[in-house]
């Protein structure tokens, strides 16, 4: 089925909810099989995007998410 097809996977992208195949499995090489004590080092952080519970998608060098500011919803893309 199309859901099991890895042909659209691009290393470093998480283009939809729950990942490339919507299974929460990353096929990215070099990931740790166990986290160090205290967790992994924080790679980046962004604030001021608004309130909400949106996940993120990563595709073509951008991070996409949604946030609510002043009772309006925004689709947000970050480089």
PDB file of N, CA and C in Angstrom:
ATOM      1  N   UNK A   1       0.829  -1.183   0.000  1.00  0.00           N
ATOM      2  CA  UNK A   1       0.000   0.000   0.000  1.00  0.00           C
ATOM      3  C   UNK A   1       0.870   1.242   0.000  1.00  0.00           C
ATOM      4  N   UNK A   2       0.329   2.370  -0.342  1.00  0.00           N
ATOM      5  CA  UNK A   2       1.057   3.638  -0.374  1.00  0.00           C
ATOM      6  C   UNK A   2       1.575   3.998   1.011  1.00  0.00           C
ATOM      7  N   UNK A   3       0.847   3.666   2.091  1.00  0.00           N
ATOM      8  CA  UNK A   3       1.275   3.995   3.449  1.00  0.00           C
ATOM      9  C   UNK A   3       2.579   3.303   3.832  1.00  0.00           C
ATOM     10  N   UNK A   4       2.890   2.154   3.219  1.00  0.00           N
ATOM     11  CA  UNK A   4       4.099   1.410   3.545  1.00  0.00           C
ATOM     12  C   UNK A   4       5.256   1.734   2.609  1.00  0.00           C
ATOM     13  N   UNK A   5       5.073   2.638   1.668  1.00  0.00           N
ATOM     14  CA  UNK A   5       6.053   2.961   0.651  1.00  0.00           C
ATOM     15  C   UNK A   5       7.058   3.975   1.190  1.00  0.00           C
ATOM     16  N   UNK A   6       8.332   3.608   1.286  1.00  0.00           N
ATOM     17  CA  UNK A   6       9.374   4.517   1.760  1.00  0.00           C
ATOM     18  C   UNK A   6       9.983   5.332   0.631  1.00  0.00           C
ATOM     19  N   UNK A   7       9.504   5.217  -0.597  1.00  0.00           N
ATOM     20  CA  UNK A   7      10.138   5.878  -1.729  1.00  0.00           C
ATOM     21  C   UNK A   7      10.081   7.395  -1.633  1.00  0.00           C
ATOM     22  N   UNK A   8       9.138   7.953  -0.867  1.00  0.00           N
ATOM     23  CA  UNK A   8       9.031   9.403  -0.749  1.00  0.00           C
ATOM     24  C   UNK A   8       9.848   9.950   0.423  1.00  0.00           C
ATOM     25  N   UNK A   9      10.528   9.076   1.191  1.00  0.00           N
ATOM     26  CA  UNK A   9      11.290   9.500   2.358  1.00  0.00           C
ATOM     27  C   UNK A   9      12.510  10.297   1.932  1.00  0.00           C
ATOM     28  N   UNK A  10      12.700  11.444   2.559  1.00  0.00           N
ATOM     29  CA  UNK A  10      13.879  12.267   2.353  1.00  0.00           C
ATOM     30  C   UNK A  10      14.539  12.448   3.709  1.00  0.00           C
ATOM     31  N   UNK A  11      15.838  12.109   3.809  1.00  0.00           N
ATOM     32  CA  UNK A  11      16.556  12.211   5.072  1.00  0.00           C
ATOM     33  C   UNK A  11      16.418  13.621   5.630  1.00  0.00           C
ATOM     34  N   UNK A  12      16.081  13.715   6.915  1.00  0.00           N
ATOM     35  CA  UNK A  12      15.954  15.004   7.582  1.00  0.00           C
ATOM     36  C   UNK A  12      14.570  15.623   7.490  1.00  0.00           C
ATOM     37  N   UNK A  13      13.657  15.005   6.767  1.00  0.00           N
ATOM     38  CA  UNK A  13      12.310  15.567   6.665  1.00  0.00           C
ATOM     39  C   UNK A  13      11.322  14.767   7.505  1.00  0.00           C
ATOM     40  N   UNK A  14      10.362  15.472   8.040  1.00  0.00           N
ATOM     41  CA  UNK A  14       9.245  14.908   8.809  1.00  0.00           C
ATOM     42  C   UNK A  14       8.025  15.630   8.268  1.00  0.00           C
ATOM     43  N   UNK A  15       7.589  15.296   7.046  1.00  0.00           N
ATOM     44  CA  UNK A  15       6.674  16.141   6.286  1.00  0.00           C
ATOM     45  C   UNK A  15       5.199  16.088   6.668  1.00  0.00           C
ATOM     46  N   UNK A  16       4.837  15.266   7.623  1.00  0.00           N
ATOM     47  CA  UNK A  16       3.428  15.197   8.005  1.00  0.00           C
ATOM     48  C   UNK A  16       3.311  14.676   9.429  1.00  0.00           C
ATOM     49  N   UNK A  17       2.109  14.744   9.975  1.00  0.00           N
ATOM     50  CA  UNK A  17       1.834  14.269  11.323  1.00  0.00           C
ATOM     51  C   UNK A  17       2.327  12.836  11.479  1.00  0.00           C
ATOM     52  N   UNK A  18       3.102  12.585  12.524  1.00  0.00           N
ATOM     53  CA  UNK A  18       3.653  11.278  12.856  1.00  0.00           C
ATOM     54  C   UNK A  18       4.728  10.794  11.890  1.00  0.00           C
ATOM     55  N   UNK A  19       5.253  11.679  11.023  1.00  0.00           N
ATOM     56  CA  UNK A  19       6.402  11.330  10.201  1.00  0.00           C
ATOM     57  C   UNK A  19       6.091  10.933   8.778  1.00  0.00           C
ATOM     58  N   UNK A  20       7.134  10.555   8.021  1.00  0.00           N
ATOM     59  CA  UNK A  20       6.980  10.272   6.595  1.00  0.00           C
ATOM     60  C   UNK A  20       5.919   9.213   6.281  1.00  0.00           C
ATOM     61  N   UNK A  21       5.789   8.209   7.141  1.00  0.00           N
ATOM     62  CA  UNK A  21       4.820   7.139   6.910  1.00  0.00           C
ATOM     63  C   UNK A  21       3.702   7.119   7.937  1.00  0.00           C
ATOM     64  N   UNK A  22       3.588   8.211   8.712  1.00  0.00           N
ATOM     65  CA  UNK A  22       2.576   8.331   9.770  1.00  0.00           C
ATOM     66  C   UNK A  22       2.627   7.184  10.776  1.00  0.00           C
ATOM     67  N   UNK A  23       3.855   6.713  11.066  1.00  0.00           N
ATOM     68  CA  UNK A  23       4.015   5.612  12.007  1.00  0.00           C
ATOM     69  C   UNK A  23       4.929   5.971  13.185  1.00  0.00           C
ATOM     70  N   UNK A  24       5.322   7.255  13.301  1.00  0.00           N
ATOM     71  CA  UNK A  24       6.225   7.732  14.349  1.00  0.00           C
ATOM     72  C   UNK A  24       7.582   7.047  14.328  1.00  0.00           C
ATOM     73  N   UNK A  25       8.001   6.540  13.177  1.00  0.00           N
ATOM     74  CA  UNK A  25       9.300   5.889  13.049  1.00  0.00           C
ATOM     75  C   UNK A  25      10.175   6.735  12.138  1.00  0.00           C
ATOM     76  N   UNK A  26      11.342   7.141  12.666  1.00  0.00           N
ATOM     77  CA  UNK A  26      12.300   7.886  11.855  1.00  0.00           C
ATOM     78  C   UNK A  26      13.267   6.908  11.216  1.00  0.00           C
ATOM     79  N   UNK A  27      13.513   7.062   9.944  1.00  0.00           N
ATOM     80  CA  UNK A  27      14.470   6.222   9.237  1.00  0.00           C
ATOM     81  C   UNK A  27      15.796   6.961   9.050  1.00  0.00           C
ATOM     82  N   UNK A  28      15.931   8.069   9.792  1.00  0.00           N
ATOM     83  CA  UNK A  28      17.146   8.875   9.735  1.00  0.00           C
ATOM     84  C   UNK A  28      18.328   8.055  10.263  1.00  0.00           C
ATOM     85  N   UNK A  29      19.454   8.027   9.559  1.00  0.00           N
ATOM     86  CA  UNK A  29      20.608   7.269  10.045  1.00  0.00           C
ATOM     87  C   UNK A  29      21.290   7.990  11.206  1.00  0.00           C
ATOM     88  N   UNK A  30      21.970   7.220  12.054  1.00  0.00           N
ATOM     89  CA  UNK A  30      22.782   7.792  13.116  1.00  0.00           C
ATOM     90  C   UNK A  30      22.044   8.198  14.379  1.00  0.00           C
ATOM     91  N   UNK A  31      20.769   7.846  14.522  1.00  0.00           N
ATOM     92  CA  UNK A  31      20.031   8.189  15.739  1.00  0.00           C
ATOM     93  C   UNK A  31      20.471   7.297  16.894  1.00  0.00           C
ATOM     94  N   UNK A  32      20.431   7.850  18.097  1.00  0.00           N
ATOM     95  CA  UNK A  32      20.790   7.078  19.278  1.00  0.00           C
ATOM     96  C   UNK A  32      19.744   6.006  19.559  1.00  0.00           C
ATOM     97  N   UNK A  33      20.192   4.832  19.978  1.00  0.00           N
ATOM     98  CA  UNK A  33      19.239   3.792  20.382  1.00  0.00           C
ATOM     99  C   UNK A  33      18.830   3.982  21.834  1.00  0.00           C
ATOM    100  N   UNK A  34      19.629   4.751  22.595  1.00  0.00           N
ATOM    101  CA  UNK A  34      19.301   5.061  23.987  1.00  0.00           C
ATOM    102  C   UNK A  34      19.802   6.470  24.280  1.00  0.00           C
ATOM    103  N   UNK A  35      18.969   7.263  24.972  1.00  0.00           N
ATOM    104  CA  UNK A  35      19.362   8.624  25.319  1.00  0.00           C
ATOM    105  C   UNK A  35      20.349   8.625  26.474  1.00  0.00           C
ATOM    106  N   UNK A  36      21.255   9.615  26.493  1.00  0.00           N
ATOM    107  CA  UNK A  36      22.150   9.754  27.638  1.00  0.00           C
ATOM    108  C   UNK A  36      21.357  10.201  28.869  1.00  0.00           C
ATOM    109  N   UNK A  37      21.934  10.002  30.056  1.00  0.00           N
ATOM    110  CA  UNK A  37      21.271  10.443  31.278  1.00  0.00           C
ATOM    111  C   UNK A  37      21.011  11.946  31.174  1.00  0.00           C
ATOM    112  N   UNK A  38      19.812  12.376  31.490  1.00  0.00           N
ATOM    113  CA  UNK A  38      19.448  13.783  31.370  1.00  0.00           C
ATOM    114  C   UNK A  38      18.879  14.143  30.009  1.00  0.00           C
ATOM    115  N   UNK A  39      18.845  13.184  29.093  1.00  0.00           N
ATOM    116  CA  UNK A  39      18.257  13.427  27.775  1.00  0.00           C
ATOM    117  C   UNK A  39      19.254  13.985  26.774  1.00  0.00           C
ATOM    118  N   UNK A  40      18.807  14.138  25.531  1.00  0.00           N
ATOM    119  CA  UNK A  40      19.697  14.664  24.490  1.00  0.00           C
ATOM    120  C   UNK A  40      19.901  16.172  24.655  1.00  0.00           C
ATOM    121  N   UNK A  41      20.971  16.690  24.078  1.00  0.00           N
ATOM    122  CA  UNK A  41      21.244  18.121  24.097  1.00  0.00           C
ATOM    123  C   UNK A  41      20.208  18.839  23.241  1.00  0.00           C
ATOM    124  N   UNK A  42      19.716  19.985  23.716  1.00  0.00           N
ATOM    125  CA  UNK A  42      18.743  20.781  22.978  1.00  0.00           C
ATOM    126  C   UNK A  42      19.409  21.340  21.722  1.00  0.00           C
ATOM    127  N   UNK A  43      18.833  21.069  20.548  1.00  0.00           N
ATOM    128  CA  UNK A  43      19.421  21.514  19.285  1.00  0.00           C
ATOM    129  C   UNK A  43      18.970  22.925  18.919  1.00  0.00           C
ATOM    130  N   UNK A  44      17.692  23.263  19.148  1.00  0.00           N
ATOM    131  CA  UNK A  44      17.181  24.595  18.851  1.00  0.00           C
ATOM    132  C   UNK A  44      15.858  24.779  19.571  1.00  0.00           C
ATOM    133  N   UNK A  45      15.468  26.030  19.715  1.00  0.00           N
ATOM    134  CA  UNK A  45      14.221  26.354  20.393  1.00  0.00           C
ATOM    135  C   UNK A  45      13.658  27.629  19.779  1.00  0.00           C
ATOM    136  N   UNK A  46      12.354  27.691  19.649  1.00  0.00           N
ATOM    137  CA  UNK A  46      11.692  28.868  19.102  1.00  0.00           C
ATOM    138  C   UNK A  46      10.555  29.236  20.046  1.00  0.00           C
ATOM    139  N   UNK A  47      10.372  30.511  20.316  1.00  0.00           N
ATOM    140  CA  UNK A  47       9.272  30.959  21.163  1.00  0.00           C
ATOM    141  C   UNK A  47       8.472  32.022  20.423  1.00  0.00           C
ATOM    142  N   UNK A  48       7.313  32.363  20.983  1.00  0.00           N
ATOM    143  CA  UNK A  48       6.488  33.410  20.384  1.00  0.00           C
ATOM    144  C   UNK A  48       5.630  32.960  19.221  1.00  0.00           C
ATOM    145  N   UNK A  49       5.459  31.655  19.063  1.00  0.00           N
ATOM    146  CA  UNK A  49       4.665  31.153  17.939  1.00  0.00           C
ATOM    147  C   UNK A  49       3.172  31.145  18.240  1.00  0.00           C
ATOM    148  N   UNK A  50       2.807  31.342  19.471  1.00  0.00           N
ATOM    149  CA  UNK A  50       1.400  31.323  19.851  1.00  0.00           C
ATOM    150  C   UNK A  50       1.097  30.113  20.700  1.00  0.00           C
ATOM    151  N   UNK A  51      -0.132  30.037  21.167  1.00  0.00           N
ATOM    152  CA  UNK A  51      -0.569  28.921  21.993  1.00  0.00           C
ATOM    153  C   UNK A  51      -1.174  27.845  21.116  1.00  0.00           C
ATOM    154  N   UNK A  52      -1.170  26.623  21.619  1.00  0.00           N
ATOM    155  CA  UNK A  52      -1.801  25.534  20.896  1.00  0.00           C
ATOM    156  C   UNK A  52      -1.100  24.221  21.146  1.00  0.00           C
ATOM    157  N   UNK A  53      -1.562  23.212  20.452  1.00  0.00           N
ATOM    158  CA  UNK A  53      -1.036  21.862  20.626  1.00  0.00           C
ATOM    159  C   UNK A  53      -0.621  21.258  19.296  1.00  0.00           C
ATOM    160  N   UNK A  54      -0.268  22.094  18.363  1.00  0.00           N
ATOM    161  CA  UNK A  54       0.088  21.623  17.036  1.00  0.00           C
ATOM    162  C   UNK A  54       1.434  20.924  17.045  1.00  0.00           C
ATOM    163  N   UNK A  55       1.555  19.913  16.224  1.00  0.00           N
ATOM    164  CA  UNK A  55       2.823  19.251  15.984  1.00  0.00           C
ATOM    165  C   UNK A  55       3.589  20.058  14.943  1.00  0.00           C
ATOM    166  N   UNK A  56       4.714  19.563  14.502  1.00  0.00           N
ATOM    167  CA  UNK A  56       5.468  20.229  13.444  1.00  0.00           C
ATOM    168  C   UNK A  56       5.646  19.279  12.268  1.00  0.00           C
ATOM    169  N   UNK A  57       5.858  19.866  11.110  1.00  0.00           N
ATOM    170  CA  UNK A  57       6.258  19.135   9.915  1.00  0.00           C
ATOM    171  C   UNK A  57       7.529  19.802   9.415  1.00  0.00           C
ATOM    172  N   UNK A  58       8.454  19.011   8.881  1.00  0.00           N
ATOM    173  CA  UNK A  58       9.714  19.534   8.355  1.00  0.00           C
ATOM    174  C   UNK A  58       9.838  19.069   6.916  1.00  0.00           C
ATOM    175  N   UNK A  59       9.935  20.025   5.987  1.00  0.00           N
ATOM    176  CA  UNK A  59      10.061  19.690   4.573  1.00  0.00           C
ATOM    177  C   UNK A  59      10.744  20.821   3.818  1.00  0.00           C
ATOM    178  N   UNK A  60      11.624  20.441   2.915  1.00  0.00           N
ATOM    179  CA  UNK A  60      12.307  21.383   2.024  1.00  0.00           C
ATOM    180  C   UNK A  60      12.938  22.546   2.782  1.00  0.00           C
ATOM    181  N   UNK A  61      13.589  22.236   3.919  1.00  0.00           N
ATOM    182  CA  UNK A  61      14.319  23.237   4.673  1.00  0.00           C
ATOM    183  C   UNK A  61      13.491  24.147   5.551  1.00  0.00           C
ATOM    184  N   UNK A  62      12.212  23.863   5.715  1.00  0.00           N
ATOM    185  CA  UNK A  62      11.355  24.694   6.552  1.00  0.00           C
ATOM    186  C   UNK A  62      10.671  23.835   7.613  1.00  0.00           C
ATOM    187  N   UNK A  63      10.337  24.483   8.752  1.00  0.00           N
ATOM    188  CA  UNK A  63       9.566  23.851   9.813  1.00  0.00           C
ATOM    189  C   UNK A  63       8.194  24.510   9.799  1.00  0.00           C
ATOM    190  N   UNK A  64       7.136  23.713   9.733  1.00  0.00           N
ATOM    191  CA  UNK A  64       5.763  24.220   9.683  1.00  0.00           C
ATOM    192  C   UNK A  64       5.031  23.823  10.953  1.00  0.00           C
ATOM    193  N   UNK A  65       4.244  24.755  11.494  1.00  0.00           N
ATOM    194  CA  UNK A  65       3.412  24.480  12.658  1.00  0.00           C
ATOM    195  C   UNK A  65       2.251  25.467  12.655  1.00  0.00           C
ATOM    196  N   UNK A  66       1.435  25.409  13.689  1.00  0.00           N
ATOM    197  CA  UNK A  66       0.317  26.351  13.835  1.00  0.00           C
ATOM    198  C   UNK A  66       0.329  26.904  15.245  1.00  0.00           C
ATOM    199  N   UNK A  67      -0.204  28.113  15.403  1.00  0.00           N
ATOM    200  CA  UNK A  67      -0.295  28.725  16.715  1.00  0.00           C
ATOM    201  C   UNK A  67      -1.479  29.671  16.769  1.00  0.00           C
ATOM    202  N   UNK A  68      -1.976  29.909  17.971  1.00  0.00           N
ATOM    203  CA  UNK A  68      -3.108  30.805  18.183  1.00  0.00           C
ATOM    204  C   UNK A  68      -2.600  32.046  18.895  1.00  0.00           C
ATOM    205  N   UNK A  69      -2.817  33.211  18.283  1.00  0.00           N
ATOM    206  CA  UNK A  69      -2.444  34.493  18.880  1.00  0.00           C
ATOM    207  C   UNK A  69      -3.637  35.428  18.785  1.00  0.00           C
ATOM    208  N   UNK A  70      -3.998  36.036  19.897  1.00  0.00           N
ATOM    209  CA  UNK A  70      -5.107  37.004  19.925  1.00  0.00           C
ATOM    210  C   UNK A  70      -6.374  36.460  19.272  1.00  0.00           C
ATOM    211  N   UNK A  71      -6.734  35.241  19.631  1.00  0.00           N
ATOM    212  CA  UNK A  71      -7.949  34.581  19.144  1.00  0.00           C
ATOM    213  C   UNK A  71      -7.958  34.342  17.637  1.00  0.00           C
ATOM    214  N   UNK A  72      -6.803  34.337  17.002  1.00  0.00           N
ATOM    215  CA  UNK A  72      -6.692  33.989  15.583  1.00  0.00           C
ATOM    216  C   UNK A  72      -5.664  32.889  15.414  1.00  0.00           C
ATOM    217  N   UNK A  73      -5.937  31.982  14.474  1.00  0.00           N
ATOM    218  CA  UNK A  73      -5.018  30.871  14.220  1.00  0.00           C
ATOM    219  C   UNK A  73      -4.097  31.227  13.066  1.00  0.00           C
ATOM    220  N   UNK A  74      -2.828  30.818  13.204  1.00  0.00           N
ATOM    221  CA  UNK A  74      -1.822  31.114  12.193  1.00  0.00           C
ATOM    222  C   UNK A  74      -1.108  29.835  11.758  1.00  0.00           C
ATOM    223  N   UNK A  75      -0.846  29.711  10.494  1.00  0.00           N
ATOM    224  CA  UNK A  75       0.055  28.697   9.971  1.00  0.00           C
ATOM    225  C   UNK A  75       1.420  29.372   9.900  1.00  0.00           C
ATOM    226  N   UNK A  76       2.426  28.736  10.473  1.00  0.00           N
ATOM    227  CA  UNK A  76       3.736  29.363  10.631  1.00  0.00           C
ATOM    228  C   UNK A  76       4.784  28.515   9.933  1.00  0.00           C
ATOM    229  N   UNK A  77       5.647  29.155   9.138  1.00  0.00           N
ATOM    230  CA  UNK A  77       6.770  28.468   8.486  1.00  0.00           C
ATOM    231  C   UNK A  77       8.056  29.152   8.920  1.00  0.00           C
ATOM    232  N   UNK A  78       9.029  28.365   9.362  1.00  0.00           N
ATOM    233  CA  UNK A  78      10.321  28.887   9.818  1.00  0.00           C
ATOM    234  C   UNK A  78      11.437  28.316   8.948  1.00  0.00           C
ATOM    235  N   UNK A  79      12.433  29.148   8.630  1.00  0.00           N
ATOM    236  CA  UNK A  79      13.632  28.656   7.932  1.00  0.00           C
ATOM    237  C   UNK A  79      14.512  27.951   8.933  1.00  0.00           C
TER     238      UNK A  79
END
